[in-house]
PDB file of N, CA and C in Angstrom:
ATOM      1  N   MET A   1      -4.139  97.869 -54.349  1.00  0.00           N
ATOM      2  CA  MET A   1      -4.497  97.863 -52.945  1.00  0.00           C
ATOM      3  C   MET A   1      -3.431  98.647 -52.194  1.00  0.00           C
ATOM      4  N   THR A   2      -3.834  99.621 -51.442  1.00  0.00           N
ATOM      5  CA  THR A   2      -2.873 100.403 -50.687  1.00  0.00           C
ATOM      6  C   THR A   2      -2.487  99.679 -49.415  1.00  0.00           C
ATOM      7  N   SER A   3      -1.332 100.029 -48.877  1.00  0.00           N
ATOM      8  CA  SER A   3      -0.841  99.326 -47.691  1.00  0.00           C
ATOM      9  C   SER A   3      -1.686  99.619 -46.454  1.00  0.00           C
ATOM     10  N   THR A   4      -2.408 100.728 -46.432  1.00  0.00           N
ATOM     11  CA  THR A   4      -3.227 101.040 -45.260  1.00  0.00           C
ATOM     12  C   THR A   4      -4.525 100.230 -45.232  1.00  0.00           C
ATOM     13  N   ASN A   5      -4.986  99.745 -46.361  1.00  0.00           N
ATOM     14  CA  ASN A   5      -6.237  99.002 -46.422  1.00  0.00           C
ATOM     15  C   ASN A   5      -6.045  97.486 -46.488  1.00  0.00           C
ATOM     16  N   VAL A   6      -4.836  97.010 -46.418  1.00  0.00           N
ATOM     17  CA  VAL A   6      -4.567  95.592 -46.622  1.00  0.00           C
ATOM     18  C   VAL A   6      -5.269  94.731 -45.586  1.00  0.00           C
ATOM     19  N   LYS A   7      -5.162  95.048 -44.323  1.00  0.00           N
ATOM     20  CA  LYS A   7      -5.768  94.225 -43.283  1.00  0.00           C
ATOM     21  C   LYS A   7      -7.284  94.245 -43.367  1.00  0.00           C
ATOM     22  N   VAL A   8      -7.862  95.371 -43.620  1.00  0.00           N
ATOM     23  CA  VAL A   8      -9.320  95.485 -43.708  1.00  0.00           C
ATOM     24  C   VAL A   8      -9.826  94.774 -44.963  1.00  0.00           C
ATOM     25  N   ASP A   9      -9.091  94.861 -46.050  1.00  0.00           N
ATOM     26  CA  ASP A   9      -9.509  94.218 -47.291  1.00  0.00           C
ATOM     27  C   ASP A   9      -9.496  92.701 -47.188  1.00  0.00           C
ATOM     28  N   TYR A  10      -8.641  92.144 -46.359  1.00  0.00           N
ATOM     29  CA  TYR A  10      -8.593  90.694 -46.174  1.00  0.00           C
ATOM     30  C   TYR A  10      -9.609  90.208 -45.148  1.00  0.00           C
ATOM     31  N   LEU A  11     -10.055  91.062 -44.283  1.00  0.00           N
ATOM     32  CA  LEU A  11     -10.943  90.654 -43.194  1.00  0.00           C
ATOM     33  C   LEU A  11     -12.321  90.215 -43.690  1.00  0.00           C
ATOM     34  N   LYS A  12     -12.907  90.958 -44.600  1.00  0.00           N
ATOM     35  CA  LYS A  12     -14.253  90.616 -45.092  1.00  0.00           C
ATOM     36  C   LYS A  12     -14.276  89.276 -45.831  1.00  0.00           C
ATOM     37  N   PRO A  13     -13.360  89.020 -46.784  1.00  0.00           N
ATOM     38  CA  PRO A  13     -13.388  87.700 -47.440  1.00  0.00           C
ATOM     39  C   PRO A  13     -13.124  86.562 -46.467  1.00  0.00           C
ATOM     40  N   TRP A  14     -12.230  86.782 -45.515  1.00  0.00           N
ATOM     41  CA  TRP A  14     -11.948  85.725 -44.538  1.00  0.00           C
ATOM     42  C   TRP A  14     -13.171  85.438 -43.676  1.00  0.00           C
ATOM     43  N   ALA A  15     -13.854  86.464 -43.224  1.00  0.00           N
ATOM     44  CA  ALA A  15     -15.032  86.268 -42.379  1.00  0.00           C
ATOM     45  C   ALA A  15     -16.143  85.555 -43.142  1.00  0.00           C
ATOM     46  N   ILE A  16     -16.355  85.933 -44.390  1.00  0.00           N
ATOM     47  CA  ILE A  16     -17.384  85.278 -45.193  1.00  0.00           C
ATOM     48  C   ILE A  16     -17.007  83.831 -45.462  1.00  0.00           C
ATOM     49  N   PHE A  17     -15.740  83.592 -45.780  1.00  0.00           N
ATOM     50  CA  PHE A  17     -15.270  82.222 -45.973  1.00  0.00           C
ATOM     51  C   PHE A  17     -15.471  81.397 -44.712  1.00  0.00           C
ATOM     52  N   PHE A  18     -15.111  81.950 -43.570  1.00  0.00           N
ATOM     53  CA  PHE A  18     -15.212  81.229 -42.314  1.00  0.00           C
ATOM     54  C   PHE A  18     -16.660  80.860 -41.998  1.00  0.00           C
ATOM     55  N   VAL A  19     -17.566  81.813 -42.130  1.00  0.00           N
ATOM     56  CA  VAL A  19     -18.974  81.558 -41.802  1.00  0.00           C
ATOM     57  C   VAL A  19     -19.585  80.540 -42.759  1.00  0.00           C
ATOM     58  N   LEU A  20     -19.380  80.736 -44.067  1.00  0.00           N
ATOM     59  CA  LEU A  20     -19.953  79.799 -45.041  1.00  0.00           C
ATOM     60  C   LEU A  20     -19.364  78.400 -44.889  1.00  0.00           C
ATOM     61  N   SER A  21     -18.069  78.334 -44.701  1.00  0.00           N
ATOM     62  CA  SER A  21     -17.410  77.035 -44.562  1.00  0.00           C
ATOM     63  C   SER A  21     -17.833  76.333 -43.281  1.00  0.00           C
ATOM     64  N   PHE A  22     -17.943  77.085 -42.208  1.00  0.00           N
ATOM     65  CA  PHE A  22     -18.341  76.493 -40.930  1.00  0.00           C
ATOM     66  C   PHE A  22     -19.763  75.944 -40.995  1.00  0.00           C
ATOM     67  N   ILE A  23     -20.681  76.753 -41.499  1.00  0.00           N
ATOM     68  CA  ILE A  23     -22.078  76.316 -41.568  1.00  0.00           C
ATOM     69  C   ILE A  23     -22.238  75.169 -42.560  1.00  0.00           C
ATOM     70  N   GLY A  24     -21.675  75.313 -43.754  1.00  0.00           N
ATOM     71  CA  GLY A  24     -21.788  74.263 -44.762  1.00  0.00           C
ATOM     72  C   GLY A  24     -21.124  72.971 -44.333  1.00  0.00           C
ATOM     73  N   GLY A  25     -19.931  73.062 -43.767  1.00  0.00           N
ATOM     74  CA  GLY A  25     -19.230  71.868 -43.306  1.00  0.00           C
ATOM     75  C   GLY A  25     -19.923  71.204 -42.142  1.00  0.00           C
ATOM     76  N   THR A  26     -20.477  71.992 -41.239  1.00  0.00           N
ATOM     77  CA  THR A  26     -21.181  71.431 -40.089  1.00  0.00           C
ATOM     78  C   THR A  26     -22.446  70.696 -40.521  1.00  0.00           C
ATOM     79  N   VAL A  27     -23.217  71.317 -41.386  1.00  0.00           N
ATOM     80  CA  VAL A  27     -24.460  70.684 -41.840  1.00  0.00           C
ATOM     81  C   VAL A  27     -24.158  69.416 -42.644  1.00  0.00           C
ATOM     82  N   ALA A  28     -23.270  69.514 -43.619  1.00  0.00           N
ATOM     83  CA  ALA A  28     -22.948  68.345 -44.442  1.00  0.00           C
ATOM     84  C   ALA A  28     -22.292  67.249 -43.606  1.00  0.00           C
ATOM     85  N   GLY A  29     -21.382  67.626 -42.705  1.00  0.00           N
ATOM     86  CA  GLY A  29     -20.730  66.637 -41.848  1.00  0.00           C
ATOM     87  C   GLY A  29     -21.710  65.954 -40.915  1.00  0.00           C
ATOM     88  N   ALA A  30     -22.665  66.704 -40.401  1.00  0.00           N
ATOM     89  CA  ALA A  30     -23.670  66.110 -39.513  1.00  0.00           C
ATOM     90  C   ALA A  30     -24.572  65.139 -40.272  1.00  0.00           C
ATOM     91  N   ILE A  31     -24.957  65.507 -41.467  1.00  0.00           N
ATOM     92  CA  ILE A  31     -25.814  64.615 -42.259  1.00  0.00           C
ATOM     93  C   ILE A  31     -25.065  63.337 -42.628  1.00  0.00           C
ATOM     94  N   ILE A  32     -23.878  63.477 -43.182  1.00  0.00           N
ATOM     95  CA  ILE A  32     -23.096  62.298 -43.586  1.00  0.00           C
ATOM     96  C   ILE A  32     -22.702  61.473 -42.364  1.00  0.00           C
ATOM     97  N   GLY A  33     -22.274  62.137 -41.306  1.00  0.00           N
ATOM     98  CA  GLY A  33     -21.905  61.413 -40.089  1.00  0.00           C
ATOM     99  C   GLY A  33     -23.084  60.697 -39.459  1.00  0.00           C
ATOM    100  N   GLY A  34     -24.246  61.336 -39.466  1.00  0.00           N
ATOM    101  CA  GLY A  34     -25.442  60.709 -38.902  1.00  0.00           C
ATOM    102  C   GLY A  34     -25.897  59.493 -39.685  1.00  0.00           C
ATOM    103  N   VAL A  35     -25.894  59.616 -41.005  1.00  0.00           N
ATOM    104  CA  VAL A  35     -26.292  58.481 -41.841  1.00  0.00           C
ATOM    105  C   VAL A  35     -25.291  57.341 -41.683  1.00  0.00           C
ATOM    106  N   THR A  36     -24.009  57.657 -41.718  1.00  0.00           N
ATOM    107  CA  THR A  36     -22.978  56.630 -41.562  1.00  0.00           C
ATOM    108  C   THR A  36     -23.062  55.978 -40.184  1.00  0.00           C
ATOM    109  N   GLY A  37     -23.235  56.790 -39.149  1.00  0.00           N
ATOM    110  CA  GLY A  37     -23.369  56.247 -37.799  1.00  0.00           C
ATOM    111  C   GLY A  37     -24.577  55.352 -37.659  1.00  0.00           C
ATOM    112  N   GLY A  38     -25.679  55.758 -38.275  1.00  0.00           N
ATOM    113  CA  GLY A  38     -26.884  54.934 -38.226  1.00  0.00           C
ATOM    114  C   GLY A  38     -26.700  53.600 -38.921  1.00  0.00           C
ATOM    115  N   VAL A  39     -26.085  53.623 -40.083  1.00  0.00           N
ATOM    116  CA  VAL A  39     -25.859  52.381 -40.824  1.00  0.00           C
ATOM    117  C   VAL A  39     -24.906  51.472 -40.046  1.00  0.00           C
ATOM    118  N   LEU A  40     -23.839  52.042 -39.521  1.00  0.00           N
ATOM    119  CA  LEU A  40     -22.886  51.223 -38.760  1.00  0.00           C
ATOM    120  C   LEU A  40     -23.500  50.692 -37.465  1.00  0.00           C
ATOM    121  N   ALA A  41     -24.382  51.459 -36.848  1.00  0.00           N
ATOM    122  CA  ALA A  41     -25.037  50.984 -35.624  1.00  0.00           C
ATOM    123  C   ALA A  41     -25.972  49.815 -35.925  1.00  0.00           C
ATOM    124  N   VAL A  42     -26.676  49.886 -37.061  1.00  0.00           N
ATOM    125  CA  VAL A  42     -27.563  48.790 -37.443  1.00  0.00           C
ATOM    126  C   VAL A  42     -26.750  47.524 -37.720  1.00  0.00           C
ATOM    127  N   ILE A  43     -25.595  47.700 -38.326  1.00  0.00           N
ATOM    128  CA  ILE A  43     -24.729  46.555 -38.610  1.00  0.00           C
ATOM    129  C   ILE A  43     -24.176  45.953 -37.323  1.00  0.00           C
ATOM    130  N   GLY A  44     -24.035  46.767 -36.283  1.00  0.00           N
ATOM    131  CA  GLY A  44     -23.546  46.275 -35.002  1.00  0.00           C
ATOM    132  C   GLY A  44     -22.113  46.660 -34.700  1.00  0.00           C
ATOM    133  N   ALA A  45     -21.645  47.749 -35.289  1.00  0.00           N
ATOM    134  CA  ALA A  45     -20.275  48.190 -35.046  1.00  0.00           C
ATOM    135  C   ALA A  45     -20.144  48.777 -33.642  1.00  0.00           C
ATOM    136  N   ALA A  46     -18.928  48.781 -33.153  1.00  0.00           N
ATOM    137  CA  ALA A  46     -18.642  49.331 -31.827  1.00  0.00           C
ATOM    138  C   ALA A  46     -18.789  50.852 -31.853  1.00  0.00           C
ATOM    139  N   PRO A  47     -19.240  51.458 -30.761  1.00  0.00           N
ATOM    140  CA  PRO A  47     -19.417  52.917 -30.727  1.00  0.00           C
ATOM    141  C   PRO A  47     -18.131  53.698 -31.037  1.00  0.00           C
ATOM    142  N   ARG A  48     -17.012  53.201 -30.576  1.00  0.00           N
ATOM    143  CA  ARG A  48     -15.726  53.883 -30.853  1.00  0.00           C
ATOM    144  C   ARG A  48     -15.450  53.883 -32.357  1.00  0.00           C
ATOM    145  N   PHE A  49     -15.666  52.761 -33.001  1.00  0.00           N
ATOM    146  CA  PHE A  49     -15.461  52.648 -34.451  1.00  0.00           C
ATOM    147  C   PHE A  49     -16.413  53.573 -35.204  1.00  0.00           C
ATOM    148  N   ILE A  50     -17.664  53.641 -34.760  1.00  0.00           N
ATOM    149  CA  ILE A  50     -18.657  54.507 -35.397  1.00  0.00           C
ATOM    150  C   ILE A  50     -18.222  55.969 -35.322  1.00  0.00           C
ATOM    151  N   SER A  51     -17.756  56.389 -34.168  1.00  0.00           N
ATOM    152  CA  SER A  51     -17.353  57.797 -34.019  1.00  0.00           C
ATOM    153  C   SER A  51     -16.143  58.127 -34.879  1.00  0.00           C
ATOM    154  N   ILE A  52     -15.216  57.193 -35.019  1.00  0.00           N
ATOM    155  CA  ILE A  52     -14.030  57.448 -35.836  1.00  0.00           C
ATOM    156  C   ILE A  52     -14.405  57.535 -37.314  1.00  0.00           C
ATOM    157  N   VAL A  53     -15.189  56.577 -37.794  1.00  0.00           N
ATOM    158  CA  VAL A  53     -15.569  56.553 -39.210  1.00  0.00           C
ATOM    159  C   VAL A  53     -16.467  57.748 -39.547  1.00  0.00           C
ATOM    160  N   ALA A  54     -17.468  58.016 -38.716  1.00  0.00           N
ATOM    161  CA  ALA A  54     -18.378  59.127 -38.980  1.00  0.00           C
ATOM    162  C   ALA A  54     -17.643  60.468 -38.924  1.00  0.00           C
ATOM    163  N   GLY A  55     -16.739  60.618 -37.967  1.00  0.00           N
ATOM    164  CA  GLY A  55     -15.959  61.848 -37.883  1.00  0.00           C
ATOM    165  C   GLY A  55     -15.041  62.027 -39.070  1.00  0.00           C
ATOM    166  N   GLY A  56     -14.407  60.939 -39.504  1.00  0.00           N
ATOM    167  CA  GLY A  56     -13.534  61.013 -40.676  1.00  0.00           C
ATOM    168  C   GLY A  56     -14.284  61.363 -41.937  1.00  0.00           C
ATOM    169  N   LEU A  57     -15.443  60.736 -42.127  1.00  0.00           N
ATOM    170  CA  LEU A  57     -16.250  61.056 -43.306  1.00  0.00           C
ATOM    171  C   LEU A  57     -16.782  62.488 -43.257  1.00  0.00           C
ATOM    172  N   GLY A  58     -17.164  62.941 -42.083  1.00  0.00           N
ATOM    173  CA  GLY A  58     -17.610  64.325 -41.944  1.00  0.00           C
ATOM    174  C   GLY A  58     -16.511  65.311 -42.294  1.00  0.00           C
ATOM    175  N   PHE A  59     -15.296  64.999 -41.884  1.00  0.00           N
ATOM    176  CA  PHE A  59     -14.143  65.837 -42.218  1.00  0.00           C
ATOM    177  C   PHE A  59     -13.896  65.853 -43.727  1.00  0.00           C
ATOM    178  N   LEU A  60     -13.936  64.679 -44.351  1.00  0.00           N
ATOM    179  CA  LEU A  60     -13.695  64.590 -45.790  1.00  0.00           C
ATOM    180  C   LEU A  60     -14.768  65.313 -46.601  1.00  0.00           C
ATOM    181  N   VAL A  61     -15.996  65.281 -46.134  1.00  0.00           N
ATOM    182  CA  VAL A  61     -17.068  66.006 -46.825  1.00  0.00           C
ATOM    183  C   VAL A  61     -16.883  67.516 -46.662  1.00  0.00           C
ATOM    184  N   GLY A  62     -16.337  67.934 -45.532  1.00  0.00           N
ATOM    185  CA  GLY A  62     -16.121  69.355 -45.291  1.00  0.00           C
ATOM    186  C   GLY A  62     -15.000  69.964 -46.113  1.00  0.00           C
ATOM    187  N   LEU A  63     -14.066  69.157 -46.582  1.00  0.00           N
ATOM    188  CA  LEU A  63     -12.944  69.694 -47.360  1.00  0.00           C
ATOM    189  C   LEU A  63     -13.370  70.363 -48.667  1.00  0.00           C
ATOM    190  N   PRO A  64     -14.142  69.708 -49.527  1.00  0.00           N
ATOM    191  CA  PRO A  64     -14.539  70.416 -50.751  1.00  0.00           C
ATOM    192  C   PRO A  64     -15.459  71.608 -50.483  1.00  0.00           C
ATOM    193  N   ILE A  65     -16.249  71.527 -49.446  1.00  0.00           N
ATOM    194  CA  ILE A  65     -17.100  72.674 -49.091  1.00  0.00           C
ATOM    195  C   ILE A  65     -16.224  73.863 -48.711  1.00  0.00           C
ATOM    196  N   SER A  66     -15.195  73.613 -47.926  1.00  0.00           N
ATOM    197  CA  SER A  66     -14.266  74.662 -47.538  1.00  0.00           C
ATOM    198  C   SER A  66     -13.568  75.249 -48.761  1.00  0.00           C
ATOM    199  N   TYR A  67     -13.153  74.395 -49.679  1.00  0.00           N
ATOM    200  CA  TYR A  67     -12.470  74.857 -50.882  1.00  0.00           C
ATOM    201  C   TYR A  67     -13.365  75.779 -51.718  1.00  0.00           C
ATOM    202  N   PHE A  68     -14.595  75.354 -51.966  1.00  0.00           N
ATOM    203  CA  PHE A  68     -15.492  76.171 -52.784  1.00  0.00           C
ATOM    204  C   PHE A  68     -15.892  77.466 -52.084  1.00  0.00           C
ATOM    205  N   CYS A  69     -16.021  77.442 -50.773  1.00  0.00           N
ATOM    206  CA  CYS A  69     -16.297  78.673 -50.028  1.00  0.00           C
ATOM    207  C   CYS A  69     -15.110  79.626 -50.102  1.00  0.00           C
ATOM    208  N   PHE A  70     -13.896  79.085 -50.043  1.00  0.00           N
ATOM    209  CA  PHE A  70     -12.688  79.909 -50.167  1.00  0.00           C
ATOM    210  C   PHE A  70     -12.617  80.550 -51.552  1.00  0.00           C
ATOM    211  N   ARG A  71     -12.862  79.750 -52.584  1.00  0.00           N
ATOM    212  CA  ARG A  71     -12.843  80.299 -53.942  1.00  0.00           C
ATOM    213  C   ARG A  71     -13.884  81.388 -54.114  1.00  0.00           C
ATOM    214  N   PHE A  72     -15.081  81.170 -53.577  1.00  0.00           N
ATOM    215  CA  PHE A  72     -16.141  82.165 -53.686  1.00  0.00           C
ATOM    216  C   PHE A  72     -15.740  83.462 -52.998  1.00  0.00           C
ATOM    217  N   ALA A  73     -15.250  83.358 -51.768  1.00  0.00           N
ATOM    218  CA  ALA A  73     -14.916  84.563 -51.003  1.00  0.00           C
ATOM    219  C   ALA A  73     -13.776  85.339 -51.645  1.00  0.00           C
ATOM    220  N   VAL A  74     -12.764  84.654 -52.116  1.00  0.00           N
ATOM    221  CA  VAL A  74     -11.625  85.341 -52.723  1.00  0.00           C
ATOM    222  C   VAL A  74     -12.020  85.966 -54.058  1.00  0.00           C
ATOM    223  N   SER A  75     -12.712  85.203 -54.908  1.00  0.00           N
ATOM    224  CA  SER A  75     -13.060  85.739 -56.224  1.00  0.00           C
ATOM    225  C   SER A  75     -14.100  86.848 -56.145  1.00  0.00           C
ATOM    226  N   LYS A  76     -14.984  86.782 -55.178  1.00  0.00           N
ATOM    227  CA  LYS A  76     -16.052  87.780 -55.081  1.00  0.00           C
ATOM    228  C   LYS A  76     -15.596  89.062 -54.382  1.00  0.00           C
ATOM    229  N   PHE A  77     -14.775  88.949 -53.347  1.00  0.00           N
ATOM    230  CA  PHE A  77     -14.477  90.118 -52.520  1.00  0.00           C
ATOM    231  C   PHE A  77     -13.026  90.585 -52.576  1.00  0.00           C
ATOM    232  N   LEU A  78     -12.089  89.724 -52.932  1.00  0.00           N
ATOM    233  CA  LEU A  78     -10.687  90.121 -52.888  1.00  0.00           C
ATOM    234  C   LEU A  78     -10.121  90.412 -54.273  1.00  0.00           C
ATOM    235  N   LEU A  79     -10.366  89.552 -55.234  1.00  0.00           N
ATOM    236  CA  LEU A  79      -9.798  89.740 -56.565  1.00  0.00           C
ATOM    237  C   LEU A  79     -10.264  91.022 -57.259  1.00  0.00           C
ATOM    238  N   PRO A  80     -11.520  91.432 -57.124  1.00  0.00           N
ATOM    239  CA  PRO A  80     -11.887  92.699 -57.765  1.00  0.00           C
ATOM    240  C   PRO A  80     -11.096  93.893 -57.232  1.00  0.00           C
ATOM    241  N   LYS A  81     -10.760  93.892 -55.949  1.00  0.00           N
ATOM    242  CA  LYS A  81      -9.975  95.004 -55.390  1.00  0.00           C
ATOM    243  C   LYS A  81      -8.535  94.946 -55.871  1.00  0.00           C
ATOM    244  N   ILE A  82      -7.987  93.753 -55.984  1.00  0.00           N
ATOM    245  CA  ILE A  82      -6.617  93.625 -56.456  1.00  0.00           C
ATOM    246  C   ILE A  82      -6.549  93.949 -57.938  1.00  0.00           C
ATOM    247  N   GLY A  83      -7.513  93.453 -58.704  1.00  0.00           N
ATOM    248  CA  GLY A  83      -7.529  93.670 -60.146  1.00  0.00           C
ATOM    249  C   GLY A  83      -7.735  95.125 -60.529  1.00  0.00           C
ATOM    250  N   SER A  84      -8.446  95.880 -59.728  1.00  0.00           N
ATOM    251  CA  SER A  84      -8.713  97.279 -60.076  1.00  0.00           C
ATOM    252  C   SER A  84      -7.489  98.161 -59.879  1.00  0.00           C
ATOM    253  N   THR A  85      -6.562  97.768 -59.019  1.00  0.00           N
ATOM    254  CA  THR A  85      -5.380  98.597 -58.783  1.00  0.00           C
ATOM    255  C   THR A  85      -4.168  98.104 -59.551  1.00  0.00           C
ATOM    256  N   GLU A  86      -4.147  96.839 -59.922  1.00  0.00           N
ATOM    257  CA  GLU A  86      -3.008  96.274 -60.640  1.00  0.00           C
ATOM    258  C   GLU A  86      -3.488  95.744 -61.987  1.00  0.00           C
ATOM    259  N   SER A  87      -3.648  96.646 -62.965  1.00  0.00           N
ATOM    260  CA  SER A  87      -4.204  96.247 -64.250  1.00  0.00           C
ATOM    261  C   SER A  87      -3.188  95.568 -65.149  1.00  0.00           C
ATOM    262  N   ASN A  88      -1.899  95.598 -64.814  1.00  0.00           N
ATOM    263  CA  ASN A  88      -0.892  94.993 -65.672  1.00  0.00           C
ATOM    264  C   ASN A  88      -0.618  93.527 -65.323  1.00  0.00           C
ATOM    265  N   VAL A  89      -1.361  92.939 -64.422  1.00  0.00           N
ATOM    266  CA  VAL A  89      -1.173  91.563 -64.040  1.00  0.00           C
ATOM    267  C   VAL A  89      -1.971  90.663 -64.975  1.00  0.00           C
ATOM    268  N   GLU A  90      -1.297  89.661 -65.574  1.00  0.00           N
ATOM    269  CA  GLU A  90      -1.971  88.717 -66.464  1.00  0.00           C
ATOM    270  C   GLU A  90      -2.345  87.479 -65.684  1.00  0.00           C
ATOM    271  N   PRO A  91      -3.553  86.930 -65.914  1.00  0.00           N
ATOM    272  CA  PRO A  91      -3.929  85.700 -65.220  1.00  0.00           C
ATOM    273  C   PRO A  91      -3.123  84.520 -65.734  1.00  0.00           C
ATOM    274  N   LEU A  92      -2.977  83.503 -64.891  1.00  0.00           N
ATOM    275  CA  LEU A  92      -2.262  82.298 -65.295  1.00  0.00           C
ATOM    276  C   LEU A  92      -3.073  81.555 -66.347  1.00  0.00           C
ATOM    277  N   LYS A  93      -2.379  81.008 -67.334  1.00  0.00           N
ATOM    278  CA  LYS A  93      -3.054  80.256 -68.377  1.00  0.00           C
ATOM    279  C   LYS A  93      -3.236  78.824 -67.918  1.00  0.00           C
ATOM    280  N   ALA A  94      -4.354  78.229 -68.281  1.00  0.00           N
ATOM    281  CA  ALA A  94      -4.635  76.845 -67.908  1.00  0.00           C
ATOM    282  C   ALA A  94      -3.693  75.920 -68.673  1.00  0.00           C
ATOM    283  N   ALA A  95      -3.382  74.790 -68.045  1.00  0.00           N
ATOM    284  CA  ALA A  95      -2.512  73.813 -68.703  1.00  0.00           C
ATOM    285  C   ALA A  95      -3.238  73.213 -69.899  1.00  0.00           C
ATOM    286  N   ALA A  96      -2.536  73.101 -70.985  1.00  0.00           N
ATOM    287  CA  ALA A  96      -3.165  72.575 -72.212  1.00  0.00           C
ATOM    288  C   ALA A  96      -3.140  71.078 -72.259  1.00  0.00           C
TER     289      ALA A  96
END
């Protein structure tokens, strides 16, 4: 990767990661938060408690979605450009 293309080369994977993570996290968080809020409302929990629990669960569901979107964007759009210019780099070996 040349120094003149560094910023542009990082922009596309970041934008794809951001869009996929935002949409996936929002949809999954809304579904999990809505179901959790509904169950807690039926049980009779306080609205403040419902918002805290549903928001926390929505956040926790969004974390793995963000991780997998990051891996996808980096491996699909960034690593091929780095690998094509630096052929002497060896990948890390998995722990045995």
